[in-house]
C-alpha cells in the first residue's frame, strides 16, 4: 500500500457546519467520526475510513467540490493525495 494513505490527513475539509443528522456539510462526517479518524492508524485503516467518506460524499453532496477541497488540503500539508490512487470515482 502506498505511503499516500499512511500520511493522509483527515477527510475533513475545514468547513465544519453541521446540518442533516449531525453531518458536516463539507465532508459528511459527524463530530464523532472526525474525532475517530485514525491519526496514527495504519495506512489500511486510513484508506478504509477515507473511502467510506468518499462513498457517502458521492451519495449526499457534490463529490467534485469535496475532492477539490481535499486535494487542496493535502497540498497545503505537503503530502501526496491518496485520492489520486483511489481511482476515477474519488
PDB file of N, CA and C in Angstrom:
ATOM      1  N   UNK A   1       0.845  -1.176   0.000  1.00  0.00           N
ATOM      2  CA  UNK A   1       0.000   0.000   0.000  1.00  0.00           C
ATOM      3  C   UNK A   1       0.892   1.242   0.000  1.00  0.00           C
ATOM      4  N   UNK A   2       0.456   2.230  -0.713  1.00  0.00           N
ATOM      5  CA  UNK A   2       1.247   3.442  -0.897  1.00  0.00           C
ATOM      6  C   UNK A   2       1.362   4.283   0.369  1.00  0.00           C
ATOM      7  N   UNK A   3       2.450   5.049   0.429  1.00  0.00           N
ATOM      8  CA  UNK A   3       2.655   5.977   1.543  1.00  0.00           C
ATOM      9  C   UNK A   3       1.601   7.073   1.590  1.00  0.00           C
ATOM     10  N   UNK A   4       0.944   7.343   0.457  1.00  0.00           N
ATOM     11  CA  UNK A   4      -0.046   8.422   0.467  1.00  0.00           C
ATOM     12  C   UNK A   4      -1.185   8.119   1.428  1.00  0.00           C
ATOM     13  N   UNK A   5      -1.477   6.849   1.651  1.00  0.00           N
ATOM     14  CA  UNK A   5      -2.527   6.503   2.612  1.00  0.00           C
ATOM     15  C   UNK A   5      -2.025   6.676   4.044  1.00  0.00           C
ATOM     16  N   UNK A   6      -0.781   6.341   4.292  1.00  0.00           N
ATOM     17  CA  UNK A   6      -0.272   6.439   5.662  1.00  0.00           C
ATOM     18  C   UNK A   6      -0.104   7.887   6.110  1.00  0.00           C
ATOM     19  N   UNK A   7       0.116   8.797   5.176  1.00  0.00           N
ATOM     20  CA  UNK A   7       0.283  10.205   5.520  1.00  0.00           C
ATOM     21  C   UNK A   7      -0.985  11.023   5.280  1.00  0.00           C
ATOM     22  N   UNK A   8      -2.056  10.360   4.876  1.00  0.00           N
ATOM     23  CA  UNK A   8      -3.302  11.052   4.530  1.00  0.00           C
ATOM     24  C   UNK A   8      -3.865  11.830   5.715  1.00  0.00           C
ATOM     25  N   UNK A   9      -4.215  13.090   5.469  1.00  0.00           N
ATOM     26  CA  UNK A   9      -4.875  13.859   6.529  1.00  0.00           C
ATOM     27  C   UNK A   9      -6.341  13.455   6.632  1.00  0.00           C
ATOM     28  N   UNK A  10      -6.985  13.912   7.668  1.00  0.00           N
ATOM     29  CA  UNK A  10      -8.408  13.662   7.866  1.00  0.00           C
ATOM     30  C   UNK A  10      -9.198  14.118   6.638  1.00  0.00           C
ATOM     31  N   UNK A  11     -10.281  13.431   6.313  1.00  0.00           N
ATOM     32  CA  UNK A  11     -11.116  13.865   5.187  1.00  0.00           C
ATOM     33  C   UNK A  11     -11.887  15.160   5.456  1.00  0.00           C
ATOM     34  N   UNK A  12     -11.776  15.697   6.656  1.00  0.00           N
ATOM     35  CA  UNK A  12     -12.401  16.980   6.979  1.00  0.00           C
ATOM     36  C   UNK A  12     -11.779  18.058   6.094  1.00  0.00           C
ATOM     37  N   UNK A  13     -12.620  18.876   5.479  1.00  0.00           N
ATOM     38  CA  UNK A  13     -12.102  19.950   4.620  1.00  0.00           C
ATOM     39  C   UNK A  13     -12.307  21.329   5.257  1.00  0.00           C
ATOM     40  N   UNK A  14     -12.396  21.346   6.582  1.00  0.00           N
ATOM     41  CA  UNK A  14     -12.400  22.572   7.380  1.00  0.00           C
ATOM     42  C   UNK A  14     -13.571  23.521   7.119  1.00  0.00           C
ATOM     43  N   UNK A  15     -14.738  22.956   6.838  1.00  0.00           N
ATOM     44  CA  UNK A  15     -15.956  23.763   6.745  1.00  0.00           C
ATOM     45  C   UNK A  15     -16.689  23.686   8.077  1.00  0.00           C
ATOM     46  N   UNK A  16     -16.863  22.490   8.591  1.00  0.00           N
ATOM     47  CA  UNK A  16     -17.381  22.212   9.940  1.00  0.00           C
ATOM     48  C   UNK A  16     -18.675  22.948  10.280  1.00  0.00           C
ATOM     49  N   UNK A  17     -19.663  22.783   9.443  1.00  0.00           N
ATOM     50  CA  UNK A  17     -21.011  23.263   9.716  1.00  0.00           C
ATOM     51  C   UNK A  17     -21.918  22.041   9.660  1.00  0.00           C
ATOM     52  N   UNK A  18     -22.582  21.801  10.762  1.00  0.00           N
ATOM     53  CA  UNK A  18     -23.372  20.578  10.889  1.00  0.00           C
ATOM     54  C   UNK A  18     -24.842  20.844  10.634  1.00  0.00           C
ATOM     55  N   UNK A  19     -25.407  20.004   9.793  1.00  0.00           N
ATOM     56  CA  UNK A  19     -26.834  20.098   9.500  1.00  0.00           C
ATOM     57  C   UNK A  19     -27.433  18.708   9.565  1.00  0.00           C
ATOM     58  N   UNK A  20     -27.857  18.205   8.469  1.00  0.00           N
ATOM     59  CA  UNK A  20     -28.565  16.934   8.364  1.00  0.00           C
ATOM     60  C   UNK A  20     -28.023  15.856   9.290  1.00  0.00           C
ATOM     61  N   UNK A  21     -28.829  15.427  10.188  1.00  0.00           N
ATOM     62  CA  UNK A  21     -28.494  14.310  11.074  1.00  0.00           C
ATOM     63  C   UNK A  21     -27.125  14.466  11.726  1.00  0.00           C
ATOM     64  N   UNK A  22     -26.720  15.717  11.973  1.00  0.00           N
ATOM     65  CA  UNK A  22     -25.445  15.969  12.626  1.00  0.00           C
ATOM     66  C   UNK A  22     -24.233  15.777  11.736  1.00  0.00           C
ATOM     67  N   UNK A  23     -24.451  15.779  10.424  1.00  0.00           N
ATOM     68  CA  UNK A  23     -23.338  15.593   9.485  1.00  0.00           C
ATOM     69  C   UNK A  23     -22.866  16.946   8.944  1.00  0.00           C
ATOM     70  N   UNK A  24     -21.574  17.057   8.793  1.00  0.00           N
ATOM     71  CA  UNK A  24     -20.961  18.277   8.275  1.00  0.00           C
ATOM     72  C   UNK A  24     -21.340  18.474   6.806  1.00  0.00           C
ATOM     73  N   UNK A  25     -21.629  19.699   6.430  1.00  0.00           N
ATOM     74  CA  UNK A  25     -21.987  19.981   5.039  1.00  0.00           C
ATOM     75  C   UNK A  25     -20.773  19.898   4.109  1.00  0.00           C
ATOM     76  N   UNK A  26     -19.580  19.946   4.654  1.00  0.00           N
ATOM     77  CA  UNK A  26     -18.383  19.880   3.822  1.00  0.00           C
ATOM     78  C   UNK A  26     -17.892  18.473   3.544  1.00  0.00           C
ATOM     79  N   UNK A  27     -17.909  17.623   4.582  1.00  0.00           N
ATOM     80  CA  UNK A  27     -17.314  16.291   4.424  1.00  0.00           C
ATOM     81  C   UNK A  27     -18.260  15.143   4.752  1.00  0.00           C
ATOM     82  N   UNK A  28     -19.440  15.425   5.210  1.00  0.00           N
ATOM     83  CA  UNK A  28     -20.474  14.458   5.599  1.00  0.00           C
ATOM     84  C   UNK A  28     -20.156  13.685   6.871  1.00  0.00           C
ATOM     85  N   UNK A  29     -19.086  14.013   7.574  1.00  0.00           N
ATOM     86  CA  UNK A  29     -18.764  13.296   8.803  1.00  0.00           C
ATOM     87  C   UNK A  29     -19.483  13.928   9.991  1.00  0.00           C
ATOM     88  N   UNK A  30     -19.726  13.119  11.003  1.00  0.00           N
ATOM     89  CA  UNK A  30     -20.245  13.621  12.272  1.00  0.00           C
ATOM     90  C   UNK A  30     -19.048  14.059  13.122  1.00  0.00           C
ATOM     91  N   UNK A  31     -19.315  14.742  14.200  1.00  0.00           N
ATOM     92  CA  UNK A  31     -18.229  15.129  15.104  1.00  0.00           C
ATOM     93  C   UNK A  31     -17.518  13.891  15.641  1.00  0.00           C
ATOM     94  N   UNK A  32     -18.270  12.848  15.948  1.00  0.00           N
ATOM     95  CA  UNK A  32     -17.665  11.610  16.457  1.00  0.00           C
ATOM     96  C   UNK A  32     -16.758  10.968  15.409  1.00  0.00           C
ATOM     97  N   UNK A  33     -17.183  10.997  14.146  1.00  0.00           N
ATOM     98  CA  UNK A  33     -16.334  10.436  13.085  1.00  0.00           C
ATOM     99  C   UNK A  33     -15.061  11.257  12.911  1.00  0.00           C
ATOM    100  N   UNK A  34     -15.193  12.569  13.005  1.00  0.00           N
ATOM    101  CA  UNK A  34     -13.990  13.408  12.881  1.00  0.00           C
ATOM    102  C   UNK A  34     -13.000  13.083  13.996  1.00  0.00           C
ATOM    103  N   UNK A  35     -13.513  12.863  15.193  1.00  0.00           N
ATOM    104  CA  UNK A  35     -12.651  12.503  16.321  1.00  0.00           C
ATOM    105  C   UNK A  35     -12.074  11.108  16.167  1.00  0.00           C
ATOM    106  N   UNK A  36     -12.790  10.244  15.447  1.00  0.00           N
ATOM    107  CA  UNK A  36     -12.372   8.845  15.316  1.00  0.00           C
ATOM    108  C   UNK A  36     -11.367   8.616  14.190  1.00  0.00           C
ATOM    109  N   UNK A  37     -11.093   9.633  13.368  1.00  0.00           N
ATOM    110  CA  UNK A  37     -10.144   9.421  12.275  1.00  0.00           C
ATOM    111  C   UNK A  37      -8.824   8.940  12.843  1.00  0.00           C
ATOM    112  N   UNK A  38      -8.305   7.848  12.316  1.00  0.00           N
ATOM    113  CA  UNK A  38      -7.079   7.256  12.880  1.00  0.00           C
ATOM    114  C   UNK A  38      -5.826   8.064  12.539  1.00  0.00           C
ATOM    115  N   UNK A  39      -5.562   9.120  13.297  1.00  0.00           N
ATOM    116  CA  UNK A  39      -4.408   9.985  13.047  1.00  0.00           C
ATOM    117  C   UNK A  39      -3.105   9.203  12.969  1.00  0.00           C
ATOM    118  N   UNK A  40      -2.943   8.249  13.857  1.00  0.00           N
ATOM    119  CA  UNK A  40      -1.710   7.468  13.842  1.00  0.00           C
ATOM    120  C   UNK A  40      -1.980   6.020  13.443  1.00  0.00           C
ATOM    121  N   UNK A  41      -3.132   5.791  12.836  1.00  0.00           N
ATOM    122  CA  UNK A  41      -3.503   4.440  12.434  1.00  0.00           C
ATOM    123  C   UNK A  41      -2.718   3.977  11.210  1.00  0.00           C
ATOM    124  N   UNK A  42      -2.949   2.740  10.869  1.00  0.00           N
ATOM    125  CA  UNK A  42      -2.267   2.164   9.717  1.00  0.00           C
ATOM    126  C   UNK A  42      -2.801   2.767   8.422  1.00  0.00           C
ATOM    127  N   UNK A  43      -2.042   2.592   7.365  1.00  0.00           N
ATOM    128  CA  UNK A  43      -2.464   3.082   6.053  1.00  0.00           C
ATOM    129  C   UNK A  43      -3.783   2.427   5.650  1.00  0.00           C
ATOM    130  N   UNK A  44      -3.949   1.163   5.970  1.00  0.00           N
ATOM    131  CA  UNK A  44      -5.177   0.457   5.619  1.00  0.00           C
ATOM    132  C   UNK A  44      -6.380   1.039   6.373  1.00  0.00           C
ATOM    133  N   UNK A  45      -6.206   1.347   7.657  1.00  0.00           N
ATOM    134  CA  UNK A  45      -7.293   1.942   8.437  1.00  0.00           C
ATOM    135  C   UNK A  45      -7.695   3.299   7.858  1.00  0.00           C
ATOM    136  N   UNK A  46      -6.699   4.109   7.513  1.00  0.00           N
ATOM    137  CA  UNK A  46      -6.990   5.418   6.944  1.00  0.00           C
ATOM    138  C   UNK A  46      -7.670   5.279   5.588  1.00  0.00           C
ATOM    139  N   UNK A  47      -7.176   4.347   4.764  1.00  0.00           N
ATOM    140  CA  UNK A  47      -7.781   4.142   3.444  1.00  0.00           C
ATOM    141  C   UNK A  47      -9.249   3.761   3.591  1.00  0.00           C
ATOM    142  N   UNK A  48      -9.539   2.800   4.438  1.00  0.00           N
ATOM    143  CA  UNK A  48     -10.914   2.351   4.624  1.00  0.00           C
ATOM    144  C   UNK A  48     -11.808   3.497   5.106  1.00  0.00           C
ATOM    145  N   UNK A  49     -11.312   4.280   6.046  1.00  0.00           N
ATOM    146  CA  UNK A  49     -12.063   5.414   6.593  1.00  0.00           C
ATOM    147  C   UNK A  49     -12.353   6.432   5.489  1.00  0.00           C
ATOM    148  N   UNK A  50     -11.320   6.820   4.756  1.00  0.00           N
ATOM    149  CA  UNK A  50     -11.475   7.837   3.709  1.00  0.00           C
ATOM    150  C   UNK A  50     -12.379   7.342   2.589  1.00  0.00           C
ATOM    151  N   UNK A  51     -12.256   6.082   2.204  1.00  0.00           N
ATOM    152  CA  UNK A  51     -13.101   5.562   1.132  1.00  0.00           C
ATOM    153  C   UNK A  51     -14.571   5.495   1.548  1.00  0.00           C
ATOM    154  N   UNK A  52     -14.847   5.276   2.823  1.00  0.00           N
ATOM    155  CA  UNK A  52     -16.229   5.334   3.309  1.00  0.00           C
ATOM    156  C   UNK A  52     -16.767   6.769   3.180  1.00  0.00           C
ATOM    157  N   UNK A  53     -15.928   7.741   3.509  1.00  0.00           N
ATOM    158  CA  UNK A  53     -16.342   9.146   3.369  1.00  0.00           C
ATOM    159  C   UNK A  53     -16.570   9.473   1.892  1.00  0.00           C
ATOM    160  N   UNK A  54     -15.672   9.017   1.010  1.00  0.00           N
ATOM    161  CA  UNK A  54     -15.814   9.263  -0.430  1.00  0.00           C
ATOM    162  C   UNK A  54     -17.147   8.704  -0.930  1.00  0.00           C
ATOM    163  N   UNK A  55     -17.487   7.510  -0.486  1.00  0.00           N
ATOM    164  CA  UNK A  55     -18.747   6.891  -0.906  1.00  0.00           C
ATOM    165  C   UNK A  55     -19.942   7.721  -0.440  1.00  0.00           C
ATOM    166  N   UNK A  56     -19.914   8.155   0.801  1.00  0.00           N
ATOM    167  CA  UNK A  56     -21.021   8.947   1.341  1.00  0.00           C
ATOM    168  C   UNK A  56     -21.103  10.306   0.657  1.00  0.00           C
ATOM    169  N   UNK A  57     -19.969  10.945   0.433  1.00  0.00           N
ATOM    170  CA  UNK A  57     -19.970  12.245  -0.244  1.00  0.00           C
ATOM    171  C   UNK A  57     -20.584  12.090  -1.635  1.00  0.00           C
ATOM    172  N   UNK A  58     -20.273  11.000  -2.305  1.00  0.00           N
ATOM    173  CA  UNK A  58     -20.799  10.766  -3.650  1.00  0.00           C
ATOM    174  C   UNK A  58     -22.315  10.630  -3.658  1.00  0.00           C
ATOM    175  N   UNK A  59     -22.870  10.166  -2.553  1.00  0.00           N
ATOM    176  CA  UNK A  59     -24.319   9.986  -2.460  1.00  0.00           C
ATOM    177  C   UNK A  59     -25.035  11.236  -1.967  1.00  0.00           C
ATOM    178  N   UNK A  60     -24.398  12.020  -1.108  1.00  0.00           N
ATOM    179  CA  UNK A  60     -25.077  13.117  -0.430  1.00  0.00           C
ATOM    180  C   UNK A  60     -24.683  14.516  -0.884  1.00  0.00           C
ATOM    181  N   UNK A  61     -23.565  14.672  -1.494  1.00  0.00           N
ATOM    182  CA  UNK A  61     -23.051  16.010  -1.806  1.00  0.00           C
ATOM    183  C   UNK A  61     -22.489  16.057  -3.225  1.00  0.00           C
ATOM    184  N   UNK A  62     -21.899  17.177  -3.533  1.00  0.00           N
ATOM    185  CA  UNK A  62     -21.187  17.340  -4.790  1.00  0.00           C
ATOM    186  C   UNK A  62     -19.782  16.770  -4.585  1.00  0.00           C
ATOM    187  N   UNK A  63     -19.516  15.566  -5.087  1.00  0.00           N
ATOM    188  CA  UNK A  63     -18.216  14.943  -4.821  1.00  0.00           C
ATOM    189  C   UNK A  63     -17.034  15.722  -5.405  1.00  0.00           C
ATOM    190  N   UNK A  64     -17.253  16.442  -6.486  1.00  0.00           N
ATOM    191  CA  UNK A  64     -16.152  17.199  -7.091  1.00  0.00           C
ATOM    192  C   UNK A  64     -15.673  18.310  -6.153  1.00  0.00           C
ATOM    193  N   UNK A  65     -16.615  18.972  -5.462  1.00  0.00           N
ATOM    194  CA  UNK A  65     -16.232  20.025  -4.519  1.00  0.00           C
ATOM    195  C   UNK A  65     -15.389  19.445  -3.394  1.00  0.00           C
ATOM    196  N   UNK A  66     -15.863  18.356  -2.780  1.00  0.00           N
ATOM    197  CA  UNK A  66     -15.118  17.761  -1.669  1.00  0.00           C
ATOM    198  C   UNK A  66     -13.735  17.291  -2.136  1.00  0.00           C
ATOM    199  N   UNK A  67     -13.672  16.619  -3.282  1.00  0.00           N
ATOM    200  CA  UNK A  67     -12.389  16.109  -3.778  1.00  0.00           C
ATOM    201  C   UNK A  67     -11.413  17.256  -4.034  1.00  0.00           C
ATOM    202  N   UNK A  68     -11.899  18.347  -4.610  1.00  0.00           N
ATOM    203  CA  UNK A  68     -11.039  19.506  -4.866  1.00  0.00           C
ATOM    204  C   UNK A  68     -10.526  20.084  -3.545  1.00  0.00           C
ATOM    205  N   UNK A  69     -11.427  20.222  -2.581  1.00  0.00           N
ATOM    206  CA  UNK A  69     -11.031  20.772  -1.282  1.00  0.00           C
ATOM    207  C   UNK A  69     -10.046  19.843  -0.570  1.00  0.00           C
ATOM    208  N   UNK A  70     -10.255  18.534  -0.667  1.00  0.00           N
ATOM    209  CA  UNK A  70      -9.354  17.584  -0.010  1.00  0.00           C
ATOM    210  C   UNK A  70      -7.982  17.577  -0.678  1.00  0.00           C
ATOM    211  N   UNK A  71      -7.955  17.654  -1.995  1.00  0.00           N
ATOM    212  CA  UNK A  71      -6.661  17.722  -2.700  1.00  0.00           C
ATOM    213  C   UNK A  71      -5.904  18.991  -2.292  1.00  0.00           C
ATOM    214  N   UNK A  72      -6.633  20.099  -2.169  1.00  0.00           N
ATOM    215  CA  UNK A  72      -6.016  21.360  -1.735  1.00  0.00           C
ATOM    216  C   UNK A  72      -5.451  21.213  -0.319  1.00  0.00           C
ATOM    217  N   UNK A  73      -6.190  20.523   0.558  1.00  0.00           N
ATOM    218  CA  UNK A  73      -5.724  20.306   1.931  1.00  0.00           C
ATOM    219  C   UNK A  73      -4.443  19.472   1.935  1.00  0.00           C
ATOM    220  N   UNK A  74      -4.420  18.412   1.142  1.00  0.00           N
ATOM    221  CA  UNK A  74      -3.217  17.575   1.065  1.00  0.00           C
ATOM    222  C   UNK A  74      -2.019  18.389   0.571  1.00  0.00           C
ATOM    223  N   UNK A  75      -2.237  19.201  -0.451  1.00  0.00           N
ATOM    224  CA  UNK A  75      -1.154  20.033  -0.984  1.00  0.00           C
ATOM    225  C   UNK A  75      -0.662  21.019   0.070  1.00  0.00           C
ATOM    226  N   UNK A  76      -1.597  21.626   0.788  1.00  0.00           N
ATOM    227  CA  UNK A  76      -1.229  22.587   1.836  1.00  0.00           C
ATOM    228  C   UNK A  76      -0.393  21.910   2.921  1.00  0.00           C
ATOM    229  N   UNK A  77      -0.740  20.652   3.241  1.00  0.00           N
ATOM    230  CA  UNK A  77       0.003  19.919   4.257  1.00  0.00           C
ATOM    231  C   UNK A  77       1.269  19.260   3.699  1.00  0.00           C
ATOM    232  N   UNK A  78       1.468  19.354   2.381  1.00  0.00           N
ATOM    233  CA  UNK A  78       2.676  18.827   1.765  1.00  0.00           C
ATOM    234  C   UNK A  78       2.743  17.311   1.710  1.00  0.00           C
ATOM    235  N   UNK A  79       1.576  16.678   1.587  1.00  0.00           N
ATOM    236  CA  UNK A  79       1.537  15.215   1.498  1.00  0.00           C
ATOM    237  C   UNK A  79       0.851  14.816   0.200  1.00  0.00           C
ATOM    238  N   UNK A  80       1.203  13.634  -0.338  1.00  0.00           N
ATOM    239  CA  UNK A  80       0.525  13.177  -1.554  1.00  0.00           C
ATOM    240  C   UNK A  80      -0.949  12.895  -1.262  1.00  0.00           C
ATOM    241  N   UNK A  81      -1.791  13.213  -2.208  1.00  0.00           N
ATOM    242  CA  UNK A  81      -3.231  12.997  -2.020  1.00  0.00           C
ATOM    243  C   UNK A  81      -3.581  11.550  -2.373  1.00  0.00           C
ATOM    244  N   UNK A  82      -4.150  10.820  -1.425  1.00  0.00           N
ATOM    245  CA  UNK A  82      -4.496   9.425  -1.699  1.00  0.00           C
ATOM    246  C   UNK A  82      -5.621   9.283  -2.716  1.00  0.00           C
ATOM    247  N   UNK A  83      -6.382  10.341  -2.959  1.00  0.00           N
ATOM    248  CA  UNK A  83      -7.449  10.251  -3.952  1.00  0.00           C
ATOM    249  C   UNK A  83      -6.893   9.981  -5.346  1.00  0.00           C
ATOM    250  N   UNK A  84      -5.650  10.399  -5.571  1.00  0.00           N
ATOM    251  CA  UNK A  84      -5.037  10.173  -6.868  1.00  0.00           C
ATOM    252  C   UNK A  84      -4.806   8.689  -7.120  1.00  0.00           C
ATOM    253  N   UNK A  85      -4.785   7.897  -6.073  1.00  0.00           N
ATOM    254  CA  UNK A  85      -4.624   6.444  -6.199  1.00  0.00           C
ATOM    255  C   UNK A  85      -5.934   5.706  -6.073  1.00  0.00           C
ATOM    256  N   UNK A  86      -6.959   6.385  -5.559  1.00  0.00           N
ATOM    257  CA  UNK A  86      -8.222   5.720  -5.259  1.00  0.00           C
ATOM    258  C   UNK A  86      -9.035   5.408  -6.505  1.00  0.00           C
ATOM    259  N   UNK A  87      -8.714   6.009  -7.618  1.00  0.00           N
ATOM    260  CA  UNK A  87      -9.443   5.745  -8.841  1.00  0.00           C
ATOM    261  C   UNK A  87     -10.234   6.950  -9.300  1.00  0.00           C
ATOM    262  N   UNK A  88     -10.847   6.826 -10.464  1.00  0.00           N
ATOM    263  CA  UNK A  88     -11.531   7.970 -11.088  1.00  0.00           C
ATOM    264  C   UNK A  88     -12.783   8.418 -10.354  1.00  0.00           C
ATOM    265  N   UNK A  89     -13.361   7.571  -9.511  1.00  0.00           N
ATOM    266  CA  UNK A  89     -14.589   7.964  -8.817  1.00  0.00           C
ATOM    267  C   UNK A  89     -14.325   8.761  -7.557  1.00  0.00           C
ATOM    268  N   UNK A  90     -13.075   8.854  -7.138  1.00  0.00           N
ATOM    269  CA  UNK A  90     -12.751   9.550  -5.889  1.00  0.00           C
ATOM    270  C   UNK A  90     -12.489  11.012  -6.147  1.00  0.00           C
TER     271      UNK A  90
END
